[in-house]
Amino acid sequence: MINLPKLQLFLAGRWVDPADGATFVDLNPATEAELAQVAAAGAAEVDAAVAAARAQFEGGEWSRLAGGDRGRLLTRLAEAVEREADHLADLEALDVGKPRAEARFADIPQAIETFHHFAGWADKVQGTTIPLPPLNGRPQLSYTLREPVGVVGAITPWNAPTMIAAWKLAPALAVGCTVVLKPPEDAPLTALRLAELIEEVGFPPGTVSVLPGIGAIAGAALVAHPGVDKVSFTGSPEVGAEIARVAGPALRRVTLELGGKSPQLIFPDADLDALLPTAALSLFANQGEVCAAGTRVLVHESLREEVGERLAAAAAALVVGDPFDPATEMGALVNRRQLERVLAYVEAGHRDGAELLAGGARLERSGFFVEPTVFGGHNQMQIAREEIFGPVGTVIPFADEEEAIRLANETRYGLTAVVWTGSLSRAHRVAAALRVGKVWVNGWGPPDPRLPWGGVKTSGIGRELGVAGLHANTEEKVVSVVL
C-alpha cells in the first residue's frame, strides 16, 4: 500500500481546501482506477498564493536570507528528497504509469542532483566589474548586480513531474525568487509530497506554494496574474504560444520548453552493436512520453534495412506491463486521451503508406498500454513531422551527410539531436549544422543540471539548468559611480 501525500493545496505554508471545494480525479494509468480526489485551486487561491509570494519576496524572511542560508535550505531539501526517493518513485510510477525502476534510477536522482547543484550556486550569484575611461576627467567604477526576478509562476508537465519540478524550483529559489508551482492534473502526487518536504525543511511560508488544479483554471489564472514576474512552463507549443500571448502585453519574462521531434542520425561508420540499445531506449523510455525522444531515426540507406529490423526486434522484445513489476521495461501511457492520440498517429502512419515494422496496437488488458511501435517511412509523413509523445519511431533513409542534415533540420522543432558516427570530424561538423538546443554524439540520456537545457524554433524560448538557467531567474542591474 502506497501512502499518498496530502491532497489539499499547499498555500503560503498551510494545507487548505479551495474555497469552492473543487476537486479533480487522479487516475492510475496502469489500471484505469481512481487514485484520489485532489483539491483543485481556482483564481482565489492563485491570488492568495501570489500575494504571499510577493510579501516574502519584497519584505519577508525569505528576502532577508543570505545566499548561503538559501543554499543550506536547498541542501536540506535535496537530502529530504533523497531520504524519500523510494516513496517518490512509487508515487511517480503510480501516477504517470512509467516503470518504477525508471523513476527510481533516473527521475528521482536527477531531481536530487538538481537541488544539490543549485544549492551550491546560492551564494555565488555574482555580478561583474567593467573598467571604463574617466567621465569628464573623473574616474568611474561600474559594476553589475544579479538580482532575483521576483515571483515565478511555474507550470510542470505530467511526463517527468518530480524532475521538472526540481528544474523550476531549484534555480529560482537559489537566486532568491519565490515560486507558485502548478503541478499537472494528470500527475500531481509527487509535487504534493515535495510540498510536504518543503514544509518539513522549513522554507518560510509563502516562499513556495503548490497548487494542483485544472490547467484552464489554475494555470490560466497563474499566467495572467499581474503579481507574477516570470512564467516558466514545460509542455506543448500550442499552450506555450498562448502563455507567451498572455504574458506579452505586460512584457513579463517567460521560459518555455515546448517539446520536440528529435532526429537520430546514424552514419555508415557508426557502431550498430553499441548504438542500437541506446537508440531504442531513446524511442521507448517513459513510454515515448519524452520531449527529447529520438523518434526520427535517420539512417544511411546502406543500413536502413538492418537498423529497421533490429529496432523492430528491440521493440518486440520489450516487456510492457505493470509499472511495479521489476521485469517491466515499458509502462502505460498517462491517460486515455494520450492513448487515443498515439493510436490515431499509428492510423495516420498506415494512411500515409508507412511500413509497419513492429507494434502498432493497444494491449488487450486494462490500463492505457500500447505496443512499442516502429515504422519505416519518409520525412514528409505526419508521423515524422508531428510530436506523438508515445512509443512510436520512424526509420527514414538518407543518401549522404548533406541530406541527413537537411532532413534533420526539416522540422518546426529544435530541441535535441543524436549523431551516431565513428568520425570525430563528422561529429563536430554535423553538430554545428544542426538547429537544436542540444546535440548528443554517440549517446543519449536525461539532461544534466550543470548544462543549459532548452530548444530553438517551436521547441521553446530560453534555457533551464546550468548557469544560463540560473541567470534566467535574475535581472542584471548596472551601477556606475563617478568617483
Protein backbone atom coordinates (compact mmCIF):
# COMPACT_ATOMS: atom_id res chain seq x y z
CA MET A 1 0.00 0.00 0.00
CA ILE A 2 1.49 3.34 -1.09
CA ASN A 3 0.88 6.24 1.26
CA LEU A 4 -0.46 9.21 -0.67
CA PRO A 5 0.59 12.75 0.28
CA LYS A 6 -1.85 15.35 1.50
CA LEU A 7 -4.33 16.08 -1.28
CA GLN A 8 -5.07 19.68 -0.32
CA LEU A 9 -3.47 22.88 -1.58
CA PHE A 10 -0.15 23.95 -0.04
CA LEU A 11 -0.80 27.67 0.13
CA ALA A 12 1.51 30.09 1.96
CA GLY A 13 2.77 27.38 4.31
CA ARG A 14 -0.64 25.93 5.17
CA TRP A 15 -2.63 22.98 3.85
CA VAL A 16 -6.06 24.24 2.83
CA ASP A 17 -9.08 23.26 0.80
CA PRO A 18 -10.18 25.51 -2.08
CA ALA A 19 -12.87 28.00 -1.19
CA ASP A 20 -15.34 26.39 -3.59
CA GLY A 21 -14.46 22.83 -2.53
CA ALA A 22 -13.49 21.87 -6.09
CA THR A 23 -11.60 18.62 -6.72
CA PHE A 24 -10.44 16.60 -9.70
CA VAL A 25 -9.91 12.86 -10.16
CA ASP A 26 -6.39 11.45 -10.38
CA LEU A 27 -6.33 8.08 -12.19
CA ASN A 28 -3.90 5.16 -12.16
CA PRO A 29 -2.89 4.78 -15.85
CA ALA A 30 -2.00 1.12 -15.44
CA THR A 31 -5.40 0.10 -14.07
CA GLU A 32 -7.74 2.99 -15.00
CA ALA A 33 -8.83 3.02 -11.33
CA GLU A 34 -9.26 6.20 -9.32
CA LEU A 35 -6.26 7.03 -7.16
CA ALA A 36 -7.58 10.08 -5.37
CA GLN A 37 -9.75 13.15 -5.38
CA VAL A 38 -7.29 16.06 -5.36
CA ALA A 39 -8.09 19.63 -4.33
CA ALA A 40 -8.37 21.94 -7.33
CA ALA A 41 -7.16 25.52 -6.95
CA GLY A 42 -9.08 28.37 -8.52
CA ALA A 43 -8.38 32.03 -9.17
CA ALA A 44 -8.90 32.95 -5.50
CA GLU A 45 -6.23 30.51 -4.32
CA VAL A 46 -3.81 31.61 -7.04
CA ASP A 47 -4.34 35.22 -5.96
CA ALA A 48 -3.64 34.35 -2.31
CA ALA A 49 -0.53 32.34 -3.19
CA VAL A 50 0.89 35.11 -5.38
CA ALA A 51 0.20 37.68 -2.66
CA ALA A 52 2.06 35.53 -0.11
CA ALA A 53 4.95 35.01 -2.54
CA ARG A 54 5.12 38.77 -3.20
CA ALA A 55 5.17 39.54 0.53
CA GLN A 56 8.02 37.08 1.13
CA PHE A 57 9.97 38.40 -1.84
CA GLU A 58 9.63 42.09 -1.08
CA GLY A 59 9.95 42.25 2.67
CA GLY A 60 9.60 38.87 4.30
CA GLU A 61 12.01 36.46 5.91
CA TRP A 62 12.98 34.98 2.54
CA SER A 63 14.07 38.34 1.11
CA ARG A 64 16.43 38.85 4.05
CA LEU A 65 18.11 35.42 3.86
CA ALA A 66 21.74 35.38 2.75
CA GLY A 67 22.64 33.21 -0.23
CA GLY A 68 24.38 30.67 1.97
CA ASP A 69 21.24 30.26 4.08
CA ARG A 70 19.14 29.71 0.97
CA GLY A 71 21.68 27.14 -0.16
CA ARG A 72 21.50 25.29 3.14
CA LEU A 73 17.70 25.06 2.85
CA LEU A 74 18.05 23.68 -0.68
CA THR A 75 20.62 21.16 0.54
CA ARG A 76 18.27 20.05 3.28
CA LEU A 77 15.51 19.69 0.69
CA ALA A 78 17.83 17.60 -1.51
CA GLU A 79 18.60 15.37 1.47
CA ALA A 80 14.91 15.02 2.29
CA VAL A 81 14.15 14.03 -1.33
CA GLU A 82 16.98 11.51 -1.18
CA ARG A 83 15.56 10.03 2.01
CA GLU A 84 12.16 9.80 0.32
CA ALA A 85 13.49 8.51 -3.01
CA ASP A 86 11.74 5.15 -2.80
CA HIS A 87 8.42 6.70 -1.86
CA LEU A 88 8.67 9.36 -4.58
CA ALA A 89 9.48 6.66 -7.14
CA ASP A 90 6.40 4.75 -6.01
CA LEU A 91 4.24 7.86 -6.40
CA GLU A 92 5.64 8.69 -9.83
CA ALA A 93 5.14 5.16 -11.16
CA LEU A 94 1.62 5.09 -9.71
CA ASP A 95 0.68 8.48 -11.16
CA VAL A 96 2.49 8.52 -14.53
CA GLY A 97 2.44 4.83 -15.45
CA LYS A 98 6.20 4.57 -16.05
CA PRO A 99 8.22 1.64 -14.66
CA ARG A 100 9.08 2.22 -11.04
CA ALA A 101 12.72 1.27 -11.71
CA GLU A 102 12.94 4.06 -14.28
CA ALA A 103 11.64 6.62 -11.81
CA ARG A 104 13.92 5.34 -9.04
CA PHE A 105 17.12 5.27 -11.05
CA ALA A 106 16.58 8.23 -13.41
CA ASP A 107 13.92 10.80 -12.45
CA ILE A 108 14.35 10.96 -8.69
CA PRO A 109 18.19 11.00 -8.71
CA GLN A 110 18.06 13.79 -11.29
CA ALA A 111 15.78 15.82 -9.00
CA ILE A 112 18.12 15.26 -6.07
CA GLU A 113 21.14 16.29 -8.12
CA THR A 114 19.33 19.42 -9.32
CA PHE A 115 18.59 20.60 -5.79
CA HIS A 116 22.18 19.88 -4.71
CA HIS A 117 23.64 21.62 -7.74
CA PHE A 118 21.72 24.86 -7.33
CA ALA A 119 22.19 24.83 -3.56
CA GLY A 120 25.87 25.28 -4.33
CA TRP A 121 25.12 28.30 -6.51
CA ALA A 122 23.02 30.18 -3.96
CA ASP A 123 25.93 32.21 -2.51
CA LYS A 124 27.76 32.57 -5.83
CA VAL A 125 25.32 34.62 -7.89
CA GLN A 126 27.73 37.36 -8.81
CA GLY A 127 27.91 40.45 -10.94
CA THR A 128 30.92 41.82 -12.78
CA THR A 129 33.07 44.95 -12.74
CA ILE A 130 33.60 46.78 -16.02
CA PRO A 131 36.58 49.13 -16.41
CA LEU A 132 35.60 52.36 -18.17
CA PRO A 133 37.52 55.52 -19.10
CA PRO A 134 37.14 58.62 -16.92
CA LEU A 135 33.97 60.66 -17.26
CA ASN A 136 34.59 64.41 -17.50
CA GLY A 137 38.02 63.84 -16.07
CA ARG A 138 36.83 61.85 -13.06
CA PRO A 139 37.34 58.08 -12.60
CA GLN A 140 34.34 55.79 -12.59
CA LEU A 141 33.51 52.44 -11.14
CA SER A 142 30.88 50.44 -12.98
CA TYR A 143 29.60 47.05 -11.89
CA THR A 144 26.58 44.79 -12.32
CA LEU A 145 24.33 43.10 -9.80
CA ARG A 146 22.40 39.87 -10.37
CA GLU A 147 19.05 40.30 -8.64
CA PRO A 148 16.13 37.83 -8.43
CA VAL A 149 13.42 38.46 -10.98
CA GLY A 150 10.67 38.18 -8.34
CA VAL A 151 7.65 35.88 -8.17
CA VAL A 152 7.88 32.92 -10.54
CA GLY A 153 4.80 31.05 -11.73
CA ALA A 154 5.94 27.52 -12.60
CA ILE A 155 3.79 25.05 -14.55
CA THR A 156 5.07 21.49 -14.90
CA PRO A 157 4.13 18.57 -17.20
CA TRP A 158 2.99 15.07 -16.31
CA ASN A 159 5.72 13.01 -18.01
CA ALA A 160 8.52 13.76 -15.50
CA PRO A 161 6.77 15.67 -12.71
CA THR A 162 9.39 15.30 -9.96
CA MET A 163 12.46 16.06 -12.05
CA ILE A 164 10.96 19.05 -13.86
CA ALA A 165 9.53 20.50 -10.64
CA ALA A 166 13.11 20.45 -9.33
CA TRP A 167 14.32 22.15 -12.53
CA LYS A 168 11.96 25.05 -11.89
CA LEU A 169 12.18 25.29 -8.11
CA ALA A 170 15.90 24.92 -7.52
CA PRO A 171 17.41 27.73 -9.66
CA ALA A 172 14.61 30.18 -8.83
CA LEU A 173 14.96 29.59 -5.08
CA ALA A 174 18.77 29.65 -5.24
CA VAL A 175 18.81 33.24 -6.55
CA GLY A 176 16.12 34.43 -4.12
CA CYS A 177 12.88 34.24 -6.10
CA THR A 178 9.64 32.92 -4.66
CA VAL A 179 7.61 30.32 -6.55
CA VAL A 180 3.99 29.35 -7.09
CA LEU A 181 4.03 25.85 -8.59
CA LYS A 182 1.07 24.44 -10.55
CA PRO A 183 1.67 20.69 -10.99
CA PRO A 184 -0.02 18.64 -13.73
CA GLU A 185 -3.54 17.41 -13.04
CA ASP A 186 -2.62 14.01 -14.50
CA ALA A 187 0.29 13.53 -12.07
CA PRO A 188 0.13 15.82 -9.01
CA LEU A 189 1.23 13.40 -6.30
CA THR A 190 5.00 13.90 -6.26
CA ALA A 191 4.64 17.68 -6.26
CA LEU A 192 2.38 17.42 -3.22
CA ARG A 193 4.96 15.22 -1.49
CA LEU A 194 7.62 17.81 -2.36
CA ALA A 195 5.39 20.41 -0.71
CA GLU A 196 5.34 18.30 2.46
CA LEU A 197 9.14 18.15 2.38
CA ILE A 198 9.40 21.91 1.75
CA GLU A 199 7.26 22.45 4.83
CA GLU A 200 9.34 19.97 6.85
CA VAL A 201 12.65 21.55 5.84
CA GLY A 202 11.49 24.97 6.98
CA PHE A 203 11.21 27.29 3.98
CA PRO A 204 9.45 30.48 5.12
CA PRO A 205 5.68 30.32 4.48
CA GLY A 206 4.80 31.72 1.08
CA THR A 207 8.23 31.10 -0.42
CA VAL A 208 6.76 28.10 -2.26
CA SER A 209 3.10 27.33 -2.78
CA VAL A 210 1.95 24.19 -4.60
CA LEU A 211 -1.49 24.50 -6.18
CA PRO A 212 -2.82 21.45 -8.02
CA GLY A 213 -5.67 22.25 -10.33
CA ILE A 214 -7.00 22.27 -13.86
CA GLY A 215 -4.75 23.99 -16.36
CA ALA A 216 -7.50 26.07 -17.94
CA ILE A 217 -8.44 27.41 -14.50
CA ALA A 218 -5.49 27.44 -12.09
CA GLY A 219 -2.80 27.52 -14.77
CA ALA A 220 -4.53 30.29 -16.70
CA ALA A 221 -5.03 32.35 -13.54
CA LEU A 222 -1.34 31.99 -12.67
CA VAL A 223 -0.15 33.03 -16.14
CA ALA A 224 -2.46 36.06 -16.22
CA HIS A 225 -1.80 37.22 -12.65
CA PRO A 226 -0.27 40.73 -12.58
CA GLY A 227 1.74 39.84 -9.48
CA VAL A 228 3.76 37.17 -11.32
CA ASP A 229 7.08 38.45 -12.70
CA LYS A 230 8.03 35.38 -14.72
CA VAL A 231 6.28 32.28 -16.04
CA SER A 232 8.23 29.04 -16.51
CA PHE A 233 6.31 26.40 -18.47
CA THR A 234 7.08 22.98 -19.89
CA GLY A 235 4.51 21.50 -22.26
CA SER A 236 3.10 21.76 -25.77
CA PRO A 237 3.91 24.52 -28.30
CA GLU A 238 0.22 25.38 -28.52
CA VAL A 239 -0.09 26.10 -24.79
CA GLY A 240 3.32 27.78 -24.76
CA ALA A 241 2.22 30.14 -27.51
CA GLU A 242 -0.90 31.05 -25.52
CA ILE A 243 1.22 31.72 -22.42
CA ALA A 244 3.50 33.98 -24.45
CA ARG A 245 0.45 35.80 -25.83
CA VAL A 246 -0.95 36.43 -22.34
CA ALA A 247 2.42 37.42 -20.85
CA GLY A 248 3.34 39.63 -23.81
CA PRO A 249 1.33 42.82 -23.12
CA ALA A 250 2.87 43.12 -19.63
CA LEU A 251 6.33 42.19 -21.02
CA ARG A 252 6.68 39.53 -18.35
CA ARG A 253 9.58 37.12 -18.60
CA VAL A 254 8.89 33.60 -19.89
CA THR A 255 10.90 30.41 -20.13
CA LEU A 256 9.17 27.90 -22.39
CA GLU A 257 10.29 24.32 -23.11
CA LEU A 258 7.88 23.04 -25.72
CA GLY A 259 8.72 19.58 -26.92
CA GLY A 260 10.47 18.16 -29.94
CA LYS A 261 10.67 15.76 -32.84
CA SER A 262 14.28 14.84 -32.36
CA PRO A 263 16.36 13.14 -35.05
CA GLN A 264 18.89 10.37 -34.56
CA LEU A 265 21.43 10.44 -37.42
CA ILE A 266 23.06 7.04 -37.97
CA PHE A 267 26.03 7.26 -40.34
CA PRO A 268 27.61 4.26 -42.08
CA ASP A 269 30.71 4.36 -39.86
CA ALA A 270 28.65 4.09 -36.66
CA ASP A 271 28.96 1.05 -34.39
CA LEU A 272 25.50 -0.51 -34.67
CA ASP A 273 26.06 -3.05 -31.91
CA ALA A 274 26.98 -0.30 -29.48
CA LEU A 275 24.35 2.24 -30.50
CA LEU A 276 21.16 0.25 -31.06
CA PRO A 277 20.28 -0.40 -27.39
CA THR A 278 20.54 3.34 -26.67
CA ALA A 279 18.79 4.29 -29.90
CA ALA A 280 15.89 2.04 -28.85
CA LEU A 281 15.95 3.48 -25.32
CA SER A 282 15.56 7.00 -26.70
CA LEU A 283 12.42 5.83 -28.53
CA PHE A 284 10.74 3.87 -25.77
CA ALA A 285 11.92 5.31 -22.41
CA ASN A 286 8.98 6.58 -20.35
CA GLN A 287 6.64 5.08 -22.99
CA GLY A 288 7.99 7.59 -25.51
CA GLU A 289 6.49 10.41 -23.43
CA VAL A 290 9.77 12.32 -23.55
CA CYS A 291 10.25 15.67 -25.27
CA ALA A 292 13.79 14.66 -26.30
CA ALA A 293 12.83 11.22 -27.63
CA GLY A 294 14.75 10.32 -30.79
CA THR A 295 11.67 9.45 -32.81
CA ARG A 296 13.04 10.26 -36.28
CA VAL A 297 15.70 7.63 -36.92
CA LEU A 298 17.60 8.98 -39.93
CA VAL A 299 19.83 6.19 -41.18
CA HIS A 300 22.18 5.88 -44.13
CA GLU A 301 20.41 4.00 -46.91
CA SER A 302 23.00 1.19 -46.77
CA LEU A 303 21.92 0.46 -43.17
CA ARG A 304 18.21 1.18 -43.43
CA GLU A 305 17.03 -2.44 -43.61
CA GLU A 306 19.34 -3.69 -40.84
CA VAL A 307 18.54 -0.80 -38.46
CA GLY A 308 14.81 -1.18 -39.11
CA GLU A 309 14.92 -4.91 -38.40
CA ARG A 310 17.00 -4.52 -35.25
CA LEU A 311 14.88 -1.70 -33.83
CA ALA A 312 11.77 -3.77 -34.57
CA ALA A 313 13.31 -6.72 -32.74
CA ALA A 314 14.15 -4.48 -29.78
CA ALA A 315 10.56 -3.20 -29.71
CA ALA A 316 9.12 -6.72 -29.86
CA ALA A 317 11.38 -7.85 -27.02
CA LEU A 318 10.36 -5.07 -24.60
CA VAL A 319 8.36 -6.20 -21.58
CA VAL A 320 5.29 -3.96 -21.34
CA GLY A 321 3.17 -4.13 -18.23
CA ASP A 322 2.70 -3.36 -14.54
CA PRO A 323 4.97 -0.43 -13.56
CA PHE A 324 5.71 -2.16 -10.25
CA ASP A 325 6.82 -5.47 -11.77
CA PRO A 326 10.66 -5.48 -11.75
CA ALA A 327 10.62 -7.18 -15.16
CA THR A 328 8.64 -4.33 -16.79
CA GLU A 329 10.58 -2.19 -19.25
CA MET A 330 7.75 -0.01 -20.52
CA GLY A 331 4.60 1.03 -18.69
CA ALA A 332 1.28 2.68 -19.50
CA LEU A 333 0.54 5.95 -21.26
CA VAL A 334 -0.63 8.58 -18.82
CA ASN A 335 -4.34 8.72 -19.73
CA ARG A 336 -6.98 7.68 -22.24
CA ARG A 337 -6.59 10.88 -24.23
CA GLN A 338 -2.90 10.15 -24.76
CA LEU A 339 -3.64 6.54 -25.69
CA GLU A 340 -6.15 7.67 -28.31
CA ARG A 341 -3.68 10.25 -29.61
CA VAL A 342 -0.93 7.65 -30.09
CA LEU A 343 -3.28 5.17 -31.77
CA ALA A 344 -4.54 7.93 -34.08
CA TYR A 345 -0.96 8.57 -35.18
CA VAL A 346 -0.48 4.86 -35.84
CA GLU A 347 -3.52 5.01 -38.12
CA ALA A 348 -2.07 8.10 -39.80
CA GLY A 349 1.10 6.13 -40.48
CA HIS A 350 -0.93 3.43 -42.20
CA ARG A 351 -2.85 6.03 -44.25
CA ASP A 352 0.37 7.67 -45.39
CA GLY A 353 1.77 4.34 -46.56
CA ALA A 354 4.38 3.85 -43.84
CA GLU A 355 5.70 0.30 -43.43
CA LEU A 356 4.82 -1.11 -40.01
CA LEU A 357 7.90 -2.91 -38.71
CA ALA A 358 6.76 -3.60 -35.13
CA GLY A 359 3.88 -2.96 -32.73
CA GLY A 360 1.06 -0.64 -33.63
CA ALA A 361 -1.73 -1.87 -31.37
CA ARG A 362 -3.23 -1.40 -27.94
CA LEU A 363 -2.53 -4.20 -25.48
CA GLU A 364 -5.56 -6.31 -24.60
CA ARG A 365 -5.65 -5.53 -20.89
CA SER A 366 -6.92 -2.83 -18.55
CA GLY A 367 -4.84 0.31 -18.48
CA PHE A 368 -3.56 2.62 -21.21
CA PHE A 369 -0.95 0.31 -22.73
CA VAL A 370 0.22 0.39 -26.33
CA GLU A 371 2.84 -1.70 -28.07
CA PRO A 372 6.23 -0.11 -28.80
CA THR A 373 5.97 0.74 -32.48
CA VAL A 374 8.44 1.17 -35.34
CA PHE A 375 7.59 2.35 -38.85
CA GLY A 376 9.64 2.73 -41.99
CA GLY A 377 8.84 5.84 -43.97
CA HIS A 378 9.95 9.29 -45.11
CA ASN A 379 10.29 12.74 -43.58
CA GLN A 380 7.07 14.18 -45.04
CA MET A 381 4.75 11.74 -43.28
CA GLN A 382 2.60 13.02 -40.43
CA ILE A 383 4.22 10.53 -38.04
CA ALA A 384 7.62 12.01 -38.91
CA ARG A 385 6.61 15.66 -38.64
CA GLU A 386 4.39 15.89 -35.54
CA GLU A 387 5.27 15.14 -31.93
CA ILE A 388 3.39 11.97 -30.99
CA PHE A 389 4.59 11.75 -27.37
CA GLY A 390 4.32 8.00 -27.36
CA PRO A 391 6.46 4.95 -28.22
CA VAL A 392 6.39 5.41 -31.99
CA GLY A 393 9.50 5.86 -34.13
CA THR A 394 10.04 6.21 -37.87
CA VAL A 395 13.11 4.93 -39.72
CA ILE A 396 13.98 7.29 -42.57
CA PRO A 397 16.82 6.72 -45.06
CA PHE A 398 19.30 9.33 -46.29
CA ALA A 399 21.90 9.21 -49.06
CA ASP A 400 24.72 11.35 -47.68
CA GLU A 401 25.72 13.73 -44.91
CA GLU A 402 24.22 16.76 -46.64
CA GLU A 403 20.82 15.09 -46.95
CA ALA A 404 20.97 13.83 -43.36
CA ILE A 405 21.46 17.38 -42.08
CA ARG A 406 18.71 18.73 -44.32
CA LEU A 407 16.22 16.10 -43.15
CA ALA A 408 17.18 16.59 -39.51
CA ASN A 409 16.55 20.35 -39.75
CA GLU A 410 13.37 19.95 -41.82
CA THR A 411 11.04 20.30 -38.82
CA ARG A 412 9.41 23.05 -36.81
CA TYR A 413 11.05 21.66 -33.67
CA GLY A 414 14.62 22.07 -32.46
CA LEU A 415 15.17 20.56 -29.02
CA THR A 416 17.77 17.79 -29.34
CA ALA A 417 19.51 15.53 -31.84
CA VAL A 418 21.74 12.46 -31.65
CA VAL A 419 24.66 11.87 -34.01
CA TRP A 420 25.95 8.30 -34.30
CA THR A 421 29.33 8.16 -36.04
CA GLY A 422 32.85 6.84 -35.69
CA SER A 423 34.31 10.03 -37.18
CA LEU A 424 35.29 12.83 -34.80
CA SER A 425 35.40 15.31 -37.68
CA ARG A 426 31.91 14.37 -38.85
CA ALA A 427 30.59 14.57 -35.28
CA HIS A 428 31.70 18.18 -34.87
CA ARG A 429 30.73 19.15 -38.41
CA VAL A 430 27.19 17.77 -38.15
CA ALA A 431 26.66 19.04 -34.60
CA ALA A 432 27.47 22.55 -35.76
CA ALA A 433 24.97 22.29 -38.63
CA LEU A 434 22.00 21.02 -36.60
CA ARG A 435 19.46 23.63 -35.47
CA VAL A 436 18.75 22.31 -31.98
CA GLY A 437 19.47 23.22 -28.38
CA LYS A 438 21.37 20.03 -27.52
CA VAL A 439 23.35 17.54 -29.61
CA TRP A 440 24.35 14.14 -28.28
CA VAL A 441 27.21 12.34 -30.03
CA ASN A 442 27.22 8.55 -29.60
CA GLY A 443 24.98 8.69 -26.55
CA TRP A 444 21.64 9.81 -25.14
CA GLY A 445 20.29 10.43 -21.65
CA PRO A 446 18.46 12.84 -19.36
CA PRO A 447 19.51 16.49 -19.07
CA ASP A 448 22.20 17.22 -16.50
CA PRO A 449 21.58 20.18 -14.16
CA ARG A 450 25.07 21.52 -14.88
CA LEU A 451 24.20 22.06 -18.56
CA PRO A 452 21.70 24.51 -20.05
CA TRP A 453 18.54 22.91 -21.40
CA GLY A 454 16.12 24.25 -23.99
CA GLY A 455 15.39 24.45 -27.68
CA VAL A 456 15.05 26.62 -30.75
CA LYS A 457 12.18 27.21 -33.16
CA THR A 458 8.90 25.93 -31.65
CA SER A 459 10.78 23.88 -29.07
CA GLY A 460 10.85 26.92 -26.86
CA ILE A 461 12.31 30.16 -25.57
CA GLY A 462 15.11 30.49 -23.03
CA ARG A 463 17.06 27.94 -21.04
CA GLU A 464 16.66 25.98 -17.84
CA LEU A 465 19.50 24.42 -15.83
CA GLY A 466 23.17 25.35 -15.90
CA VAL A 467 24.39 28.89 -15.35
CA ALA A 468 22.03 30.06 -18.11
CA GLY A 469 19.06 28.64 -16.18
CA LEU A 470 20.25 30.32 -13.01
CA HIS A 471 20.60 33.68 -14.76
CA ALA A 472 17.16 33.23 -16.37
CA ASN A 473 15.70 33.84 -12.90
CA THR A 474 17.59 37.11 -12.41
CA GLU A 475 17.71 40.64 -13.72
CA GLU A 476 21.06 42.31 -14.33
CA LYS A 477 21.39 45.78 -12.85
CA VAL A 478 24.19 48.20 -13.77
CA VAL A 479 25.63 50.61 -11.20
CA SER A 480 28.01 53.39 -12.35
CA VAL A 481 29.71 55.54 -9.73
CA VAL A 482 31.66 58.66 -10.62
CA LEU A 483 34.43 58.84 -8.01
